[in-house]
Protein backbone atom coordinates (compact mmCIF):
# COMPACT_ATOMS: atom_id res chain seq x y z
CA UNK A 1 58.36 13.34 -14.64
CA UNK A 2 57.21 16.54 -13.50
CA UNK A 3 54.27 14.69 -11.50
CA UNK A 4 56.19 12.03 -10.82
CA UNK A 5 59.01 13.90 -9.11
CA UNK A 6 56.27 15.98 -6.99
CA UNK A 7 54.96 12.39 -6.30
CA UNK A 8 58.34 11.64 -4.82
CA UNK A 9 58.18 14.80 -3.12
CA UNK A 10 55.26 14.48 -1.22
CA UNK A 11 56.48 10.57 -0.38
CA UNK A 12 59.86 12.27 0.94
CA UNK A 13 57.68 15.00 3.14
CA UNK A 14 55.68 11.96 4.57
CA UNK A 15 58.84 10.08 5.22
CA UNK A 16 60.70 12.23 7.66
CA UNK A 17 57.71 14.18 9.43
CA UNK A 18 55.62 11.45 9.60
CA UNK A 19 51.84 11.08 8.03
CA UNK A 20 49.61 13.92 8.32
CA UNK A 21 45.77 14.46 8.94
CA UNK A 22 45.68 14.83 4.54
CA UNK A 23 48.38 12.11 4.35
CA UNK A 24 47.89 11.16 0.56
CA UNK A 25 49.22 7.43 1.20
CA UNK A 26 48.31 6.24 4.79
CA UNK A 27 48.09 2.68 3.67
CA UNK A 28 52.28 2.74 3.41
CA UNK A 29 52.71 5.77 5.83
CA UNK A 30 51.36 5.11 8.94
CA UNK A 31 52.84 1.15 8.92
CA UNK A 32 55.95 2.54 7.66
CA UNK A 33 56.48 5.04 10.56
CA UNK A 34 55.51 1.96 12.77
CA UNK A 35 58.21 0.10 11.90
CA UNK A 36 60.24 2.80 12.22
CA UNK A 37 59.83 3.08 15.44
CA UNK A 38 59.94 -0.31 16.57
CA UNK A 39 62.99 -1.41 15.18
CA UNK A 40 64.44 2.29 14.54
CA UNK A 41 65.22 2.33 11.46
CA UNK A 42 67.87 4.65 9.81
CA UNK A 43 65.37 6.86 7.88
CA UNK A 44 68.51 8.16 5.78
CA UNK A 45 68.21 4.88 4.05
CA UNK A 46 64.88 4.77 3.13
CA UNK A 47 65.58 8.52 2.01
CA UNK A 48 68.37 7.41 -0.45
CA UNK A 49 66.07 5.37 -2.28
CA UNK A 50 63.43 8.30 -2.94
CA UNK A 51 66.48 9.81 -4.25
CA UNK A 52 67.22 6.97 -6.54
CA UNK A 53 63.55 6.84 -7.80
CA UNK A 54 64.05 11.04 -8.58
CA UNK A 55 67.26 10.15 -10.30
CA UNK A 56 65.77 7.16 -12.52
CA UNK A 57 63.12 9.76 -13.65
CA UNK A 58 65.18 12.58 -14.32
CA UNK A 59 67.43 10.15 -16.34
CA UNK A 60 65.12 8.56 -18.03
CA UNK A 61 63.31 11.54 -19.14
CA UNK A 62 66.39 13.21 -20.26
CA UNK A 63 67.85 9.64 -21.76
CA UNK A 64 71.17 10.23 -20.00
CA UNK A 65 74.05 7.65 -19.54
CA UNK A 66 76.31 7.06 -17.25
CA UNK A 67 80.14 8.35 -18.13
CA UNK A 68 81.78 5.74 -16.47
CA UNK A 69 81.43 2.32 -13.79
CA UNK A 70 82.27 4.84 -10.81
CA UNK A 71 79.32 7.07 -12.06
CA UNK A 72 76.99 3.88 -11.88
CA UNK A 73 78.82 2.78 -8.66
CA UNK A 74 77.16 6.38 -7.14
CA UNK A 75 73.82 5.59 -8.15
CA UNK A 76 74.27 2.37 -6.17
CA UNK A 77 74.67 3.67 -2.93
CA UNK A 78 71.27 5.18 -3.32
CA UNK A 79 69.31 2.59 -4.91
CA UNK A 80 70.68 -0.37 -3.79
CA UNK A 81 72.94 -0.44 -0.69
CA UNK A 82 70.54 1.39 1.79
CA UNK A 83 68.28 -2.24 1.46
CA UNK A 84 71.46 -4.52 2.54
CA UNK A 85 72.17 -1.75 5.32
CA UNK A 86 68.40 -1.64 6.41
CA UNK A 87 68.79 -5.65 6.42
CA UNK A 88 71.79 -5.82 8.47
CA UNK A 89 70.76 -3.15 11.24
CA UNK A 90 67.57 -5.62 11.58
CA UNK A 91 69.90 -8.42 12.91
CA UNK A 92 71.99 -6.28 14.37
CA UNK A 93 75.21 -6.86 12.62
CA UNK A 94 76.98 -3.45 11.68
CA UNK A 95 80.25 -3.00 11.94
CA UNK A 96 82.08 -1.25 8.87
CA UNK A 97 83.46 -4.57 7.47
CA UNK A 98 79.81 -6.16 7.16
CA UNK A 99 78.46 -2.94 5.85
CA UNK A 100 81.42 -2.49 2.94
CA UNK A 101 80.89 -6.34 1.99
CA UNK A 102 77.00 -5.88 2.39
CA UNK A 103 77.08 -2.63 -0.05
CA UNK A 104 79.33 -4.64 -2.71
CA UNK A 105 77.04 -7.04 -2.83
CA UNK A 106 73.89 -5.06 -3.54
CA UNK A 107 75.70 -3.04 -6.13
CA UNK A 108 77.29 -6.25 -7.67
CA UNK A 109 73.19 -7.21 -7.95
CA UNK A 110 72.19 -3.54 -8.90
CA UNK A 111 74.78 -4.03 -11.90
CA UNK A 112 74.06 -7.19 -12.93
CA UNK A 113 70.34 -7.00 -13.09
CA UNK A 114 71.27 -3.73 -15.71
CA UNK A 115 73.52 -6.13 -17.56
CA UNK A 116 70.49 -8.85 -17.24
CA UNK A 117 68.19 -6.25 -18.45
CA UNK A 118 70.36 -5.06 -21.68
CA UNK A 119 67.41 -6.23 -24.10
CA UNK A 120 64.92 -4.82 -22.17
CA UNK A 121 65.75 -1.48 -21.14
CA UNK A 122 67.40 0.05 -23.71
CA UNK A 123 64.15 0.06 -26.05
CA UNK A 124 63.03 1.54 -23.35
CA UNK A 125 65.08 4.57 -23.42
CA UNK A 126 67.01 3.14 -20.14
CA UNK A 127 70.97 3.04 -20.57
CA UNK A 128 73.19 1.63 -17.55
CA UNK A 129 76.37 0.89 -20.09
CA UNK A 130 78.99 3.15 -19.33
CA UNK A 131 80.06 5.20 -22.30
CA UNK A 132 84.03 5.16 -21.86
CA UNK A 133 83.71 1.47 -22.02
CA UNK A 134 81.37 1.65 -24.76
CA UNK A 135 83.05 3.68 -26.69
CA UNK A 136 86.30 1.80 -26.65
CA UNK A 137 85.63 -1.92 -26.99
CA UNK A 138 83.47 -4.06 -29.07
CA UNK A 139 79.92 -5.41 -27.75
CA UNK A 140 81.79 -8.83 -26.67
CA UNK A 141 84.53 -7.48 -25.31
CA UNK A 142 82.17 -4.89 -23.36
CA UNK A 143 79.81 -7.68 -21.82
CA UNK A 144 82.76 -9.90 -20.81
CA UNK A 145 84.06 -6.87 -19.15
CA UNK A 146 81.10 -5.63 -17.37
CA UNK A 147 80.52 -8.76 -16.23
CA UNK A 148 83.95 -9.32 -14.75
CA UNK A 149 83.66 -6.18 -12.86
CA UNK A 150 80.31 -7.11 -11.58
CA UNK A 151 81.59 -10.52 -10.34
CA UNK A 152 84.71 -9.22 -8.77
CA UNK A 153 83.10 -7.02 -6.64
CA UNK A 154 80.24 -9.70 -5.42
CA UNK A 155 82.91 -12.20 -4.84
CA UNK A 156 84.29 -9.11 -2.67
CA UNK A 157 81.48 -8.86 -0.23
CA UNK A 158 80.44 -12.88 -0.57
CA UNK A 159 82.07 -13.42 3.29
CA UNK A 160 79.30 -11.30 4.60
CA UNK A 161 77.09 -14.33 4.60
CA UNK A 162 79.44 -16.12 7.34
CA UNK A 163 78.24 -12.68 9.37
CA UNK A 164 74.31 -12.97 9.01
CA UNK A 165 73.19 -14.64 11.78
CA UNK A 166 70.28 -17.75 11.00
CA UNK A 167 68.01 -18.35 8.15
CA UNK A 168 68.70 -14.73 6.67
CA UNK A 169 72.32 -15.71 6.08
CA UNK A 170 71.12 -18.64 4.12
CA UNK A 171 69.33 -16.65 2.14
CA UNK A 172 72.00 -14.94 1.72
CA UNK A 173 73.92 -17.33 0.12
CA UNK A 174 71.05 -18.14 -2.08
CA UNK A 175 70.93 -14.36 -3.18
CA UNK A 176 74.83 -14.04 -3.81
CA UNK A 177 74.74 -17.44 -5.65
CA UNK A 178 71.64 -16.45 -7.76
CA UNK A 179 73.26 -13.37 -9.21
CA UNK A 180 76.55 -14.65 -9.90
CA UNK A 181 74.34 -17.47 -11.87
CA UNK A 182 72.64 -14.71 -13.51
CA UNK A 183 76.18 -13.32 -14.74
CA UNK A 184 77.08 -17.01 -16.26
CA UNK A 185 74.26 -16.36 -18.46
CA UNK A 186 74.68 -13.08 -19.84
CA UNK A 187 78.50 -13.81 -20.40
CA UNK A 188 77.63 -16.69 -22.17
CA UNK A 189 75.21 -14.94 -24.43
CA UNK A 190 77.86 -12.40 -24.63
CA UNK A 191 76.82 -9.61 -27.49
CA UNK A 192 73.26 -11.26 -27.76
CA UNK A 193 72.86 -9.72 -23.96
CA UNK A 194 71.71 -7.12 -26.07
CA UNK A 195 68.95 -8.62 -27.71
CA UNK A 196 67.90 -11.86 -25.38
CA UNK A 197 67.51 -11.74 -21.45
CA UNK A 198 68.64 -14.49 -19.47
CA UNK A 199 66.76 -16.01 -16.78
CA UNK A 200 66.83 -18.72 -13.93
CA UNK A 201 65.40 -22.41 -14.03
CA UNK A 202 64.64 -24.92 -12.58
CA UNK A 203 67.78 -27.18 -13.43
CA UNK A 204 69.70 -24.04 -12.31
CA UNK A 205 67.77 -24.50 -8.43
CA UNK A 206 70.63 -27.83 -7.95
CA UNK A 207 73.53 -25.72 -9.11
CA UNK A 208 72.54 -22.66 -6.59
CA UNK A 209 71.61 -25.39 -3.56
CA UNK A 210 75.21 -26.67 -4.11
CA UNK A 211 77.35 -23.75 -4.53
CA UNK A 212 75.57 -22.06 -2.00
CA UNK A 213 75.93 -25.20 0.66
CA UNK A 214 80.22 -24.63 -0.10
CA UNK A 215 80.46 -21.21 0.08
């Protein structure tokens, strides 16, 4: 963990101040800074991603668990939401409602990924299930509660698909529907989601296409 945190600190130095003559990763930071300058990217969003990586390292090392959904969403503000905001910046979509919807979609996708990976993350010492929920209900109820929360969050952000222009808007429809489809599979597994990882199959594609078409 110490070595990883030191590496992330070096990444932050090169991100915030530009690659030096002794840059350890010129293949990353020289082209990255060219893109930042060309598109006037908000560097704070990239820095937030580094903060999320640091939290990951520390949480895994300490086997720490989030106390509540709210705490988990605070992590999503760093680990997921900056990605959506960077994409919106590239497409010139920056009104407050669009940013709120983007945050909702990205946080929902992060939560869905957590619930999809329960069977793999927990054996690796990565705990994302909020302690307050885990202590108050059985696993069947717990999975239902987690899925319902993620679905409500995704649906609150879904209208963003009508604000993002062109191909990106079409791809966003697929992203939203793909996340919701995985969520359906997690919900169907119920407590077995702690033992099996659901994935999308070829026969899910027509369902995703149809649902994306009618958003």
